[in-house]
């Protein structure tokens, strides 16, 4: 008799669910994204459901309404009844040798399971401990700029799964495989450029380009054996060691850079690590405070850092720290032997833990293969946090260095640079990609190709450490020619026009919640 009662309960539940569902509109408008992000100047309207979850359309609609909560409650009660009934049937089956009774019980169990499976097909399914229902929304950010701090920007997009526009889908991922990245890198050039350019426009305003100035505050005399570097004491080059610049000299150079349009001022020192250079470090802290006081963003590249030194730089006002990986882990030992790849990764971790933005990239033209370029991007794209900026350098060979004297090293052309920049843009869409050393060797048209690939930052000024770079006036002319504008210091990037105009379809998933439907 109790099985008959369960059957009746199931029938009642199914009737209730069907009646309620008929009253429900086919399309459910939700303001969940708007309410959850009201403090972030966001508003959202559900436009439709993700194609990947088209079989669960009802499920996506139910997830964000009281109606869905009631249906989930009824569904759970029903399925619990199914479980209890099946358990009771098994108990009676084991103690009853009557085949007819067994068949009746199985028949009753089948009816219950069919009833529940019908509800599953209707979208009243159980998705315990699964990814939340996906909703395709069109977001508009009402403020003209995003937050300046990269962590604050990332917090805005915690529920974002992917973006789509013009047939291109992109997402911020940390689970890339080398095979994934190689497939992107090896795309036909026209297709790679389209995907990268579209991705760039989904996440950034392509008209805004950051301008950075790099100053060598300590030149030459480095004990490392980097085979590309003119500042190593192991190579006979034109570079002669000089003492660390005075604080006031550095501040004067920063003022000149600001007057010329730069908004980020970077200081580099040619040594292996800060180590116990207490006097020099104190002077650097004064430089950081002084440059920061001018309203400029401040970046340093000072070799290896420990955790305490990173914290002191952060307290002094340091915005970002540059520490390049140079190339792939596989090719690295052929380029440098005095510092391990793990040493570099440890410094990056110390910088990140101190709350300083990470600037980390590599150099093309070190004798590497395409597989090495893919491997470098794989390391960067699978870090716990993507770097805030990734500089892509083309080797400027210097006579007297091992790589400068090597005839077998092929020159890096504009297509090499554009392919690397484009792949970096696709696998790290929220990262600023910086066109760095070697830019002087490319024409304005070639540089435009690289901007189209996704570069949105440059180094300007007449010198990068010890190699030539386009002068400020040349960059001003280039910006005017291409219609670019500089990114202001201490202000977040402009919102992508495509996003502001509602052209970007954003798939959101409330991943931090266990969803049931």
Protein backbone atom coordinates (compact mmCIF):
# COMPACT_ATOMS: atom_id res chain seq x y z
CA UNK A 1 0.00 0.00 0.00
CA UNK A 2 2.81 2.42 0.80
CA UNK A 3 4.11 2.00 -2.76
CA UNK A 4 0.69 2.93 -4.08
CA UNK A 5 0.78 6.04 -1.90
CA UNK A 6 4.18 6.97 -3.31
CA UNK A 7 2.81 6.56 -6.84
CA UNK A 8 -0.04 8.91 -5.99
CA UNK A 9 2.39 11.46 -4.50
CA UNK A 10 4.48 11.38 -7.68
CA UNK A 11 1.39 11.96 -9.82
CA UNK A 12 0.37 14.92 -7.67
CA UNK A 13 3.89 16.38 -7.92
CA UNK A 14 4.00 16.02 -11.70
CA UNK A 15 0.57 17.69 -12.02
CA UNK A 16 1.69 20.60 -9.80
CA UNK A 17 4.90 21.08 -11.74
CA UNK A 18 3.11 21.04 -15.10
CA UNK A 19 0.50 23.55 -13.93
CA UNK A 20 3.18 25.90 -12.63
CA UNK A 21 5.29 25.54 -15.74
CA UNK A 22 2.38 26.46 -18.04
CA UNK A 23 2.02 29.72 -16.19
CA UNK A 24 5.72 30.49 -16.58
CA UNK A 25 6.79 32.61 -19.56
CA UNK A 26 9.17 30.99 -22.00
CA UNK A 27 11.76 33.69 -21.49
CA UNK A 28 12.87 34.74 -18.06
CA UNK A 29 14.36 38.17 -17.59
CA UNK A 30 16.78 38.39 -14.74
CA UNK A 31 18.44 41.21 -12.88
CA UNK A 32 20.67 38.98 -10.80
CA UNK A 33 23.81 40.25 -12.48
CA UNK A 34 22.69 43.84 -12.00
CA UNK A 35 21.92 43.46 -8.33
CA UNK A 36 25.06 41.51 -7.53
CA UNK A 37 27.24 44.08 -9.26
CA UNK A 38 25.35 47.25 -8.38
CA UNK A 39 28.40 48.63 -6.64
CA UNK A 40 30.51 48.01 -9.72
CA UNK A 41 28.48 50.20 -12.11
CA UNK A 42 27.31 47.13 -14.00
CA UNK A 43 23.86 46.38 -15.38
CA UNK A 44 22.91 43.22 -17.24
CA UNK A 45 20.01 41.80 -19.18
CA UNK A 46 19.69 38.16 -20.15
CA UNK A 47 19.58 37.94 -23.91
CA UNK A 48 19.44 34.19 -24.25
CA UNK A 49 21.08 31.00 -23.11
CA UNK A 50 24.48 29.70 -24.00
CA UNK A 51 24.43 27.38 -27.04
CA UNK A 52 26.44 24.89 -25.01
CA UNK A 53 23.57 24.54 -22.60
CA UNK A 54 20.69 24.63 -25.09
CA UNK A 55 19.44 21.27 -23.87
CA UNK A 56 19.00 22.79 -20.44
CA UNK A 57 17.12 25.95 -21.42
CA UNK A 58 14.54 25.38 -18.71
CA UNK A 59 17.31 24.79 -16.23
CA UNK A 60 18.99 28.12 -16.99
CA UNK A 61 15.72 30.00 -16.59
CA UNK A 62 14.77 28.25 -13.38
CA UNK A 63 18.07 28.95 -11.68
CA UNK A 64 17.48 32.66 -11.08
CA UNK A 65 13.86 32.76 -9.86
CA UNK A 66 11.69 31.83 -6.89
CA UNK A 67 9.74 29.66 -9.28
CA UNK A 68 12.92 27.66 -9.92
CA UNK A 69 13.53 27.27 -6.18
CA UNK A 70 10.03 25.81 -5.65
CA UNK A 71 10.47 23.42 -8.56
CA UNK A 72 13.82 22.30 -7.22
CA UNK A 73 12.24 21.63 -3.81
CA UNK A 74 9.44 19.51 -5.35
CA UNK A 75 11.93 17.67 -7.55
CA UNK A 76 14.16 16.82 -4.59
CA UNK A 77 11.17 15.57 -2.57
CA UNK A 78 10.10 13.39 -5.44
CA UNK A 79 13.54 11.93 -6.05
CA UNK A 80 13.96 11.23 -2.34
CA UNK A 81 10.68 9.34 -2.54
CA UNK A 82 12.02 7.37 -5.47
CA UNK A 83 15.10 6.43 -3.49
CA UNK A 84 13.10 5.35 -0.44
CA UNK A 85 10.71 3.36 -2.60
CA UNK A 86 13.50 1.59 -4.46
CA UNK A 87 15.23 0.73 -1.21
CA UNK A 88 11.98 -0.75 0.18
CA UNK A 89 11.46 -2.74 -2.97
CA UNK A 90 14.92 -4.25 -2.75
CA UNK A 91 14.28 -5.26 0.86
CA UNK A 92 11.01 -6.99 -0.01
CA UNK A 93 12.54 -8.61 -3.06
CA UNK A 94 15.25 -10.26 -0.99
CA UNK A 95 12.72 -11.81 1.40
CA UNK A 96 10.00 -12.73 -1.11
CA UNK A 97 10.46 -15.57 -3.56
CA UNK A 98 7.25 -14.84 -5.41
CA UNK A 99 8.20 -13.95 -8.99
CA UNK A 100 4.89 -12.18 -9.63
CA UNK A 101 5.44 -9.88 -6.67
CA UNK A 102 8.94 -9.18 -7.89
CA UNK A 103 7.68 -8.23 -11.32
CA UNK A 104 5.06 -5.94 -9.80
CA UNK A 105 7.67 -4.19 -7.70
CA UNK A 106 9.99 -3.74 -10.67
CA UNK A 107 7.10 -2.35 -12.67
CA UNK A 108 6.27 0.10 -9.89
CA UNK A 109 9.93 1.13 -9.64
CA UNK A 110 10.11 1.68 -13.40
CA UNK A 111 7.07 3.97 -13.30
CA UNK A 112 8.68 6.06 -10.58
CA UNK A 113 11.97 6.32 -12.45
CA UNK A 114 10.20 7.17 -15.71
CA UNK A 115 8.34 9.95 -13.95
CA UNK A 116 11.58 11.40 -12.60
CA UNK A 117 13.42 11.04 -15.91
CA UNK A 118 10.60 12.91 -17.61
CA UNK A 119 11.16 15.79 -15.23
CA UNK A 120 14.87 15.63 -15.94
CA UNK A 121 14.14 16.11 -19.63
CA UNK A 122 11.86 19.04 -18.78
CA UNK A 123 14.73 20.94 -17.14
CA UNK A 124 13.92 20.16 -13.51
CA UNK A 125 17.16 18.24 -13.43
CA UNK A 126 19.52 17.71 -10.54
CA UNK A 127 22.90 19.36 -11.17
CA UNK A 128 24.42 18.78 -7.78
CA UNK A 129 27.99 20.07 -7.41
CA UNK A 130 28.07 21.02 -11.09
CA UNK A 131 28.83 24.28 -12.83
CA UNK A 132 26.00 26.75 -12.43
CA UNK A 133 23.64 27.39 -15.34
CA UNK A 134 25.16 29.59 -18.00
CA UNK A 135 23.50 32.83 -19.03
CA UNK A 136 24.48 34.86 -22.07
CA UNK A 137 24.19 38.52 -21.11
CA UNK A 138 25.04 41.88 -22.57
CA UNK A 139 26.83 43.90 -19.90
CA UNK A 140 27.33 47.64 -19.87
CA UNK A 141 29.79 49.29 -17.52
CA UNK A 142 28.50 52.78 -16.78
CA UNK A 143 31.85 54.26 -15.68
CA UNK A 144 34.14 55.30 -18.56
CA UNK A 145 37.12 53.51 -17.05
CA UNK A 146 37.71 50.24 -15.26
CA UNK A 147 39.50 50.20 -11.87
CA UNK A 148 43.22 50.89 -12.05
CA UNK A 149 44.27 48.03 -9.77
CA UNK A 150 44.48 44.79 -11.75
CA UNK A 151 43.07 42.80 -8.81
CA UNK A 152 40.06 45.11 -8.59
CA UNK A 153 39.49 44.72 -12.33
CA UNK A 154 39.65 40.95 -12.11
CA UNK A 155 37.15 40.97 -9.23
CA UNK A 156 34.57 42.52 -11.58
CA UNK A 157 34.70 39.47 -13.79
CA UNK A 158 34.68 36.63 -11.29
CA UNK A 159 31.41 35.25 -12.69
CA UNK A 160 32.46 35.67 -16.30
CA UNK A 161 33.01 32.48 -18.25
CA UNK A 162 33.70 33.80 -21.76
CA UNK A 163 33.10 36.58 -24.27
CA UNK A 164 31.95 36.28 -27.86
CA UNK A 165 31.78 38.68 -30.78
CA UNK A 166 32.01 38.31 -34.54
CA UNK A 167 32.26 34.53 -34.39
CA UNK A 168 35.20 34.62 -31.94
CA UNK A 169 34.97 33.31 -28.38
CA UNK A 170 37.61 34.19 -25.78
CA UNK A 171 38.08 33.55 -22.07
CA UNK A 172 40.58 34.08 -19.27
CA UNK A 173 41.96 30.61 -18.56
CA UNK A 174 44.81 29.14 -16.55
CA UNK A 175 44.50 25.56 -17.79
CA UNK A 176 45.99 25.99 -21.25
CA UNK A 177 48.02 23.10 -22.61
CA UNK A 178 50.96 23.52 -24.96
CA UNK A 179 48.88 21.79 -27.61
CA UNK A 180 46.09 24.36 -27.18
CA UNK A 181 48.49 27.26 -27.58
CA UNK A 182 50.35 25.64 -30.48
CA UNK A 183 47.08 25.30 -32.42
CA UNK A 184 46.50 29.04 -32.00
CA UNK A 185 50.10 29.98 -32.80
CA UNK A 186 50.07 27.84 -35.97
CA UNK A 187 46.84 29.29 -37.38
CA UNK A 188 47.03 30.84 -40.85
CA UNK A 189 48.23 34.39 -40.33
CA UNK A 190 45.02 36.05 -41.57
CA UNK A 191 42.90 33.93 -39.19
CA UNK A 192 45.23 34.47 -36.25
CA UNK A 193 45.14 38.22 -36.77
CA UNK A 194 41.34 38.29 -36.99
CA UNK A 195 40.91 36.30 -33.79
CA UNK A 196 43.49 38.36 -31.90
CA UNK A 197 42.14 41.69 -33.11
CA UNK A 198 38.55 40.70 -32.25
CA UNK A 199 39.63 39.44 -28.82
CA UNK A 200 41.47 42.70 -28.24
CA UNK A 201 38.34 44.70 -29.02
CA UNK A 202 36.21 42.59 -26.70
CA UNK A 203 38.42 43.39 -23.70
CA UNK A 204 40.16 46.68 -24.48
CA UNK A 205 39.73 50.02 -26.20
CA UNK A 206 42.10 49.63 -29.18
CA UNK A 207 42.65 53.40 -29.39
CA UNK A 208 44.32 53.58 -25.95
CA UNK A 209 48.01 52.69 -25.73
CA UNK A 210 50.13 52.97 -22.60
CA UNK A 211 53.45 54.82 -22.94
CA UNK A 212 56.35 53.75 -20.71
CA UNK A 213 59.88 55.09 -20.38
CA UNK A 214 62.78 52.88 -19.29
CA UNK A 215 65.90 54.34 -17.69
CA UNK A 216 69.07 52.44 -16.83
CA UNK A 217 69.99 53.68 -13.35
CA UNK A 218 72.96 51.29 -13.10
CA UNK A 219 74.65 50.32 -16.37
CA UNK A 220 77.17 47.52 -16.99
CA UNK A 221 79.23 45.44 -14.62
CA UNK A 222 76.72 42.59 -14.29
CA UNK A 223 78.15 39.21 -13.33
CA UNK A 224 75.51 37.18 -15.14
CA UNK A 225 76.35 35.40 -18.41
CA UNK A 226 73.16 36.18 -20.40
CA UNK A 227 74.35 35.54 -23.96
CA UNK A 228 72.35 38.43 -25.41
CA UNK A 229 73.29 41.13 -22.91
CA UNK A 230 75.86 43.85 -23.56
CA UNK A 231 76.10 44.67 -19.83
CA UNK A 232 77.70 41.40 -18.77
CA UNK A 233 81.30 41.55 -17.55
CA UNK A 234 81.87 38.26 -19.39
CA UNK A 235 81.42 39.90 -22.81
CA UNK A 236 83.60 42.48 -24.51
CA UNK A 237 81.16 45.14 -25.73
CA UNK A 238 81.01 48.91 -26.08
CA UNK A 239 79.17 49.22 -22.74
CA UNK A 240 81.31 50.43 -19.85
CA UNK A 241 80.26 50.03 -16.20
CA UNK A 242 78.89 53.15 -14.51
CA UNK A 243 77.89 53.78 -10.89
CA UNK A 244 74.28 53.99 -9.78
CA UNK A 245 72.68 57.30 -10.74
CA UNK A 246 71.92 59.89 -8.07
CA UNK A 247 68.36 60.19 -6.84
CA UNK A 248 67.92 63.71 -8.20
CA UNK A 249 69.25 62.69 -11.62
CA UNK A 250 66.65 59.96 -11.84
CA UNK A 251 63.85 62.27 -10.72
CA UNK A 252 64.85 64.83 -13.36
CA UNK A 253 64.70 62.10 -16.04
CA UNK A 254 61.25 61.10 -14.76
CA UNK A 255 60.01 64.69 -15.05
CA UNK A 256 61.25 64.86 -18.65
CA UNK A 257 59.50 61.58 -19.45
CA UNK A 258 56.24 62.85 -17.97
CA UNK A 259 56.48 66.08 -19.96
CA UNK A 260 56.96 63.99 -23.12
CA UNK A 261 53.77 62.00 -22.48
CA UNK A 262 54.92 58.93 -20.57
CA UNK A 263 52.71 57.73 -17.75
CA UNK A 264 54.84 54.86 -16.44
CA UNK A 265 58.50 55.30 -15.54
CA UNK A 266 60.67 52.17 -15.30
CA UNK A 267 64.11 51.93 -13.70
CA UNK A 268 66.55 49.14 -14.48
CA UNK A 269 69.78 48.14 -12.76
CA UNK A 270 72.39 45.78 -14.22
CA UNK A 271 73.05 43.31 -11.44
CA UNK A 272 72.07 39.76 -10.60
CA UNK A 273 70.06 40.62 -7.48
CA UNK A 274 69.56 43.26 -4.84
CA UNK A 275 71.03 40.95 -2.23
CA UNK A 276 72.68 42.95 0.56
CA UNK A 277 73.00 46.20 -1.38
CA UNK A 278 71.34 48.12 1.47
CA UNK A 279 72.64 51.57 0.54
CA UNK A 280 71.70 51.20 -3.13
CA UNK A 281 68.31 49.77 -2.17
CA UNK A 282 67.57 52.73 0.12
CA UNK A 283 68.35 55.09 -2.77
CA UNK A 284 66.02 53.11 -5.03
CA UNK A 285 63.24 53.36 -2.47
CA UNK A 286 63.71 57.15 -2.51
CA UNK A 287 63.53 57.13 -6.31
CA UNK A 288 60.30 55.10 -6.25
CA UNK A 289 58.71 57.48 -3.73
CA UNK A 290 59.81 60.53 -5.73
CA UNK A 291 58.57 59.26 -9.09
CA UNK A 292 55.30 58.12 -7.55
CA UNK A 293 54.91 61.59 -6.02
CA UNK A 294 54.96 63.08 -9.53
CA UNK A 295 51.79 61.18 -10.40
CA UNK A 296 53.61 58.64 -12.55
CA UNK A 297 53.27 54.89 -12.26
CA UNK A 298 56.59 53.34 -11.20
CA UNK A 299 58.20 50.12 -12.42
CA UNK A 300 61.56 48.56 -11.56
CA UNK A 301 63.69 45.75 -12.92
CA UNK A 302 66.39 45.01 -10.37
CA UNK A 303 67.11 41.31 -10.75
CA UNK A 304 66.12 38.79 -8.12
CA UNK A 305 64.12 39.96 -5.09
CA UNK A 306 63.23 38.32 -1.81
CA UNK A 307 59.83 38.70 -0.19
CA UNK A 308 60.85 41.43 2.27
CA UNK A 309 62.41 43.60 -0.44
CA UNK A 310 59.24 43.25 -2.53
CA UNK A 311 57.13 44.43 0.42
CA UNK A 312 59.34 47.50 0.96
CA UNK A 313 59.07 48.43 -2.72
CA UNK A 314 55.30 48.09 -2.52
CA UNK A 315 55.19 50.37 0.55
CA UNK A 316 57.35 52.93 -1.29
CA UNK A 317 54.73 53.12 -4.06
CA UNK A 318 56.01 50.68 -6.70
CA UNK A 319 53.33 49.91 -9.30
CA UNK A 320 54.91 47.04 -11.21
CA UNK A 321 58.04 44.90 -11.26
CA UNK A 322 59.60 43.57 -14.46
CA UNK A 323 61.31 40.20 -14.41
CA UNK A 324 61.34 38.48 -17.78
CA UNK A 325 61.55 34.73 -18.29
CA UNK A 326 63.30 35.45 -21.63
CA UNK A 327 62.46 32.14 -23.33
CA UNK A 328 61.13 28.64 -22.73
CA UNK A 329 62.31 26.43 -19.84
CA UNK A 330 63.73 24.03 -22.46
CA UNK A 331 65.80 26.63 -24.33
CA UNK A 332 66.76 28.71 -21.29
CA UNK A 333 69.96 26.76 -20.34
CA UNK A 334 71.37 27.53 -23.80
CA UNK A 335 71.04 31.25 -23.13
CA UNK A 336 71.83 31.68 -19.41
CA UNK A 337 73.64 29.44 -16.92
CA UNK A 338 74.19 31.73 -13.91
CA UNK A 339 70.52 31.95 -12.92
CA UNK A 340 67.93 29.18 -13.08
CA UNK A 341 64.42 29.37 -14.48
CA UNK A 342 63.15 28.52 -10.99
CA UNK A 343 65.01 31.57 -9.60
CA UNK A 344 63.03 33.77 -11.96
CA UNK A 345 59.72 32.15 -11.10
CA UNK A 346 60.45 32.59 -7.38
CA UNK A 347 61.05 36.33 -7.84
CA UNK A 348 57.78 36.61 -9.77
CA UNK A 349 55.98 34.85 -6.91
CA UNK A 350 57.55 37.22 -4.33
CA UNK A 351 56.41 40.23 -6.36
CA UNK A 352 52.89 38.87 -6.79
CA UNK A 353 52.60 38.01 -3.08
CA UNK A 354 53.57 41.58 -2.18
CA UNK A 355 50.65 42.93 -4.21
CA UNK A 356 52.84 44.42 -6.96
CA UNK A 357 51.74 44.03 -10.56
CA UNK A 358 53.88 41.54 -12.48
CA UNK A 359 55.49 42.54 -15.78
CA UNK A 360 56.95 39.43 -17.40
CA UNK A 361 57.66 38.48 -20.98
CA UNK A 362 60.39 37.28 -23.29
CA UNK A 363 62.76 37.92 -26.16
CA UNK A 364 62.51 36.67 -29.73
CA UNK A 365 65.72 35.97 -31.61
CA UNK A 366 67.66 33.96 -29.03
CA UNK A 367 68.02 31.00 -31.37
CA UNK A 368 64.74 29.51 -30.15
CA UNK A 369 62.26 27.48 -32.18
CA UNK A 370 58.55 28.08 -32.56
CA UNK A 371 57.97 25.37 -29.96
CA UNK A 372 60.01 27.44 -27.49
CA UNK A 373 57.86 30.50 -28.13
CA UNK A 374 54.76 28.41 -27.50
CA UNK A 375 56.31 26.98 -24.33
CA UNK A 376 57.12 30.47 -23.00
CA UNK A 377 53.51 31.57 -23.53
CA UNK A 378 52.34 28.37 -21.84
CA UNK A 379 54.36 29.20 -18.69
CA UNK A 380 52.96 32.75 -18.59
CA UNK A 381 49.36 31.71 -19.29
CA UNK A 382 49.35 29.04 -16.57
CA UNK A 383 50.71 31.20 -13.74
CA UNK A 384 48.32 31.55 -10.75
CA UNK A 385 47.58 35.05 -12.06
CA UNK A 386 48.30 36.22 -15.58
CA UNK A 387 50.92 39.00 -15.61
CA UNK A 388 49.49 42.51 -15.65
CA UNK A 389 51.72 43.14 -18.66
CA UNK A 390 53.75 40.96 -21.04
CA UNK A 391 56.57 42.69 -22.94
CA UNK A 392 57.49 41.09 -26.27
CA UNK A 393 61.04 42.01 -27.29
CA UNK A 394 62.93 41.48 -30.53
CA UNK A 395 66.63 40.90 -29.90
CA UNK A 396 68.81 43.89 -30.68
CA UNK A 397 72.08 42.08 -31.24
CA UNK A 398 75.19 43.72 -29.87
CA UNK A 399 78.64 42.97 -31.19
CA UNK A 400 80.75 41.20 -28.58
CA UNK A 401 77.92 39.12 -27.12
CA UNK A 402 77.63 35.42 -28.03
CA UNK A 403 74.30 35.93 -29.76
CA UNK A 404 75.43 39.16 -31.40
CA UNK A 405 78.35 37.35 -33.01
CA UNK A 406 76.35 34.26 -34.03
CA UNK A 407 75.70 34.23 -37.76
CA UNK A 408 73.23 31.35 -37.56
CA UNK A 409 70.70 33.32 -35.50
CA UNK A 410 67.86 34.39 -37.82
CA UNK A 411 66.57 37.93 -37.65
CA UNK A 412 63.11 38.52 -36.17
CA UNK A 413 60.69 40.07 -38.65
CA UNK A 414 57.37 41.85 -38.18
CA UNK A 415 55.41 38.65 -38.83
CA UNK A 416 57.29 36.85 -36.03
CA UNK A 417 56.46 39.67 -33.64
CA UNK A 418 52.83 39.91 -34.74
CA UNK A 419 52.32 36.15 -34.42
CA UNK A 420 53.75 36.13 -30.89
CA UNK A 421 51.76 39.20 -29.83
CA UNK A 422 48.54 37.82 -31.33
CA UNK A 423 48.89 34.48 -29.56
CA UNK A 424 49.64 36.22 -26.27
CA UNK A 425 46.54 38.39 -26.72
CA UNK A 426 44.30 35.36 -27.27
CA UNK A 427 45.57 33.24 -24.37
CA UNK A 428 45.83 36.18 -21.93
CA UNK A 429 43.04 38.53 -23.05
CA UNK A 430 43.07 40.80 -19.98
CA UNK A 431 46.86 41.24 -19.99
CA UNK A 432 48.51 44.35 -21.41
CA UNK A 433 50.88 43.29 -24.21
CA UNK A 434 53.87 45.60 -24.55
CA UNK A 435 55.77 46.21 -27.76
CA UNK A 436 59.28 46.59 -26.37
CA UNK A 437 62.92 46.33 -27.50
CA UNK A 438 63.60 46.16 -31.22
CA UNK A 439 60.76 48.50 -32.17
CA UNK A 440 63.19 50.88 -33.91
CA UNK A 441 63.88 48.24 -36.57
CA UNK A 442 60.23 48.17 -37.67
CA UNK A 443 58.44 50.68 -39.90
CA UNK A 444 55.29 52.51 -38.82
CA UNK A 445 53.22 50.13 -40.95
CA UNK A 446 54.85 47.09 -39.32
CA UNK A 447 54.25 48.53 -35.87
CA UNK A 448 50.60 49.07 -36.80
CA UNK A 449 50.42 45.37 -37.66
CA UNK A 450 51.58 44.60 -34.13
CA UNK A 451 49.02 46.93 -32.58
CA UNK A 452 46.35 45.20 -34.65
CA UNK A 453 47.60 41.89 -33.23
CA UNK A 454 46.80 43.14 -29.72
CA UNK A 455 49.73 45.23 -28.46
CA UNK A 456 48.52 48.13 -26.31
CA UNK A 457 51.67 49.41 -24.62
CA UNK A 458 55.07 50.64 -25.79
CA UNK A 459 58.39 51.79 -24.43
CA UNK A 460 59.30 55.25 -25.67
CA UNK A 461 62.33 57.48 -25.27
CA UNK A 462 65.59 57.39 -27.19
CA UNK A 463 67.14 54.41 -25.40
CA UNK A 464 66.11 51.12 -23.76
CA UNK A 465 68.86 50.41 -21.20
CA UNK A 466 71.73 50.30 -23.74
CA UNK A 467 69.98 49.94 -27.13
CA UNK A 468 68.36 52.55 -29.35
CA UNK A 469 64.61 53.22 -29.28
CA UNK A 470 62.33 55.65 -31.18
CA UNK A 471 62.47 59.19 -29.82
CA UNK A 472 59.51 60.84 -28.10
CA UNK A 473 58.74 63.06 -31.12
CA UNK A 474 58.61 60.05 -33.45
CA UNK A 475 56.14 58.28 -31.16
CA UNK A 476 53.97 61.40 -30.88
CA UNK A 477 53.81 61.51 -34.69
CA UNK A 478 53.01 57.78 -34.83
CA UNK A 479 50.19 58.11 -32.31
CA UNK A 480 48.70 60.99 -34.28
CA UNK A 481 48.98 59.05 -37.53
CA UNK A 482 47.27 55.97 -36.10
CA UNK A 483 44.67 57.85 -34.03
CA UNK A 484 45.96 56.52 -30.71
CA UNK A 485 45.76 58.21 -27.32
CA UNK A 486 47.95 57.61 -24.30
CA UNK A 487 46.66 55.92 -21.16
CA UNK A 488 46.75 58.30 -18.17
CA UNK A 489 48.80 57.35 -15.11
CA UNK A 490 47.03 55.84 -12.10
CA UNK A 491 43.80 55.41 -14.07
CA UNK A 492 42.31 52.16 -15.22
CA UNK A 493 41.92 51.34 -18.91
CA UNK A 494 38.99 52.65 -20.89
CA UNK A 495 36.04 50.30 -21.19
CA UNK A 496 36.06 48.49 -24.55
CA UNK A 497 33.67 50.34 -26.90
CA UNK A 498 32.30 47.00 -28.13
CA UNK A 499 31.35 46.12 -24.55
CA UNK A 500 29.86 49.55 -23.85
CA UNK A 501 27.79 49.36 -27.04
CA UNK A 502 26.41 45.93 -26.15
CA UNK A 503 28.14 44.10 -29.00
CA UNK A 504 29.94 41.63 -26.72
CA UNK A 505 27.98 38.58 -25.57
CA UNK A 506 29.21 37.57 -22.13
CA UNK A 507 28.56 34.12 -20.68
CA UNK A 508 28.39 34.25 -16.88
CA UNK A 509 28.52 31.38 -14.44
CA UNK A 510 28.09 31.70 -10.70
CA UNK A 511 30.94 29.32 -10.10
CA UNK A 512 31.29 29.85 -6.36
CA UNK A 513 27.84 28.47 -5.59
CA UNK A 514 26.60 24.88 -5.66
CA UNK A 515 23.64 25.06 -8.00
CA UNK A 516 20.65 22.76 -7.97
CA UNK A 517 17.78 22.86 -10.43
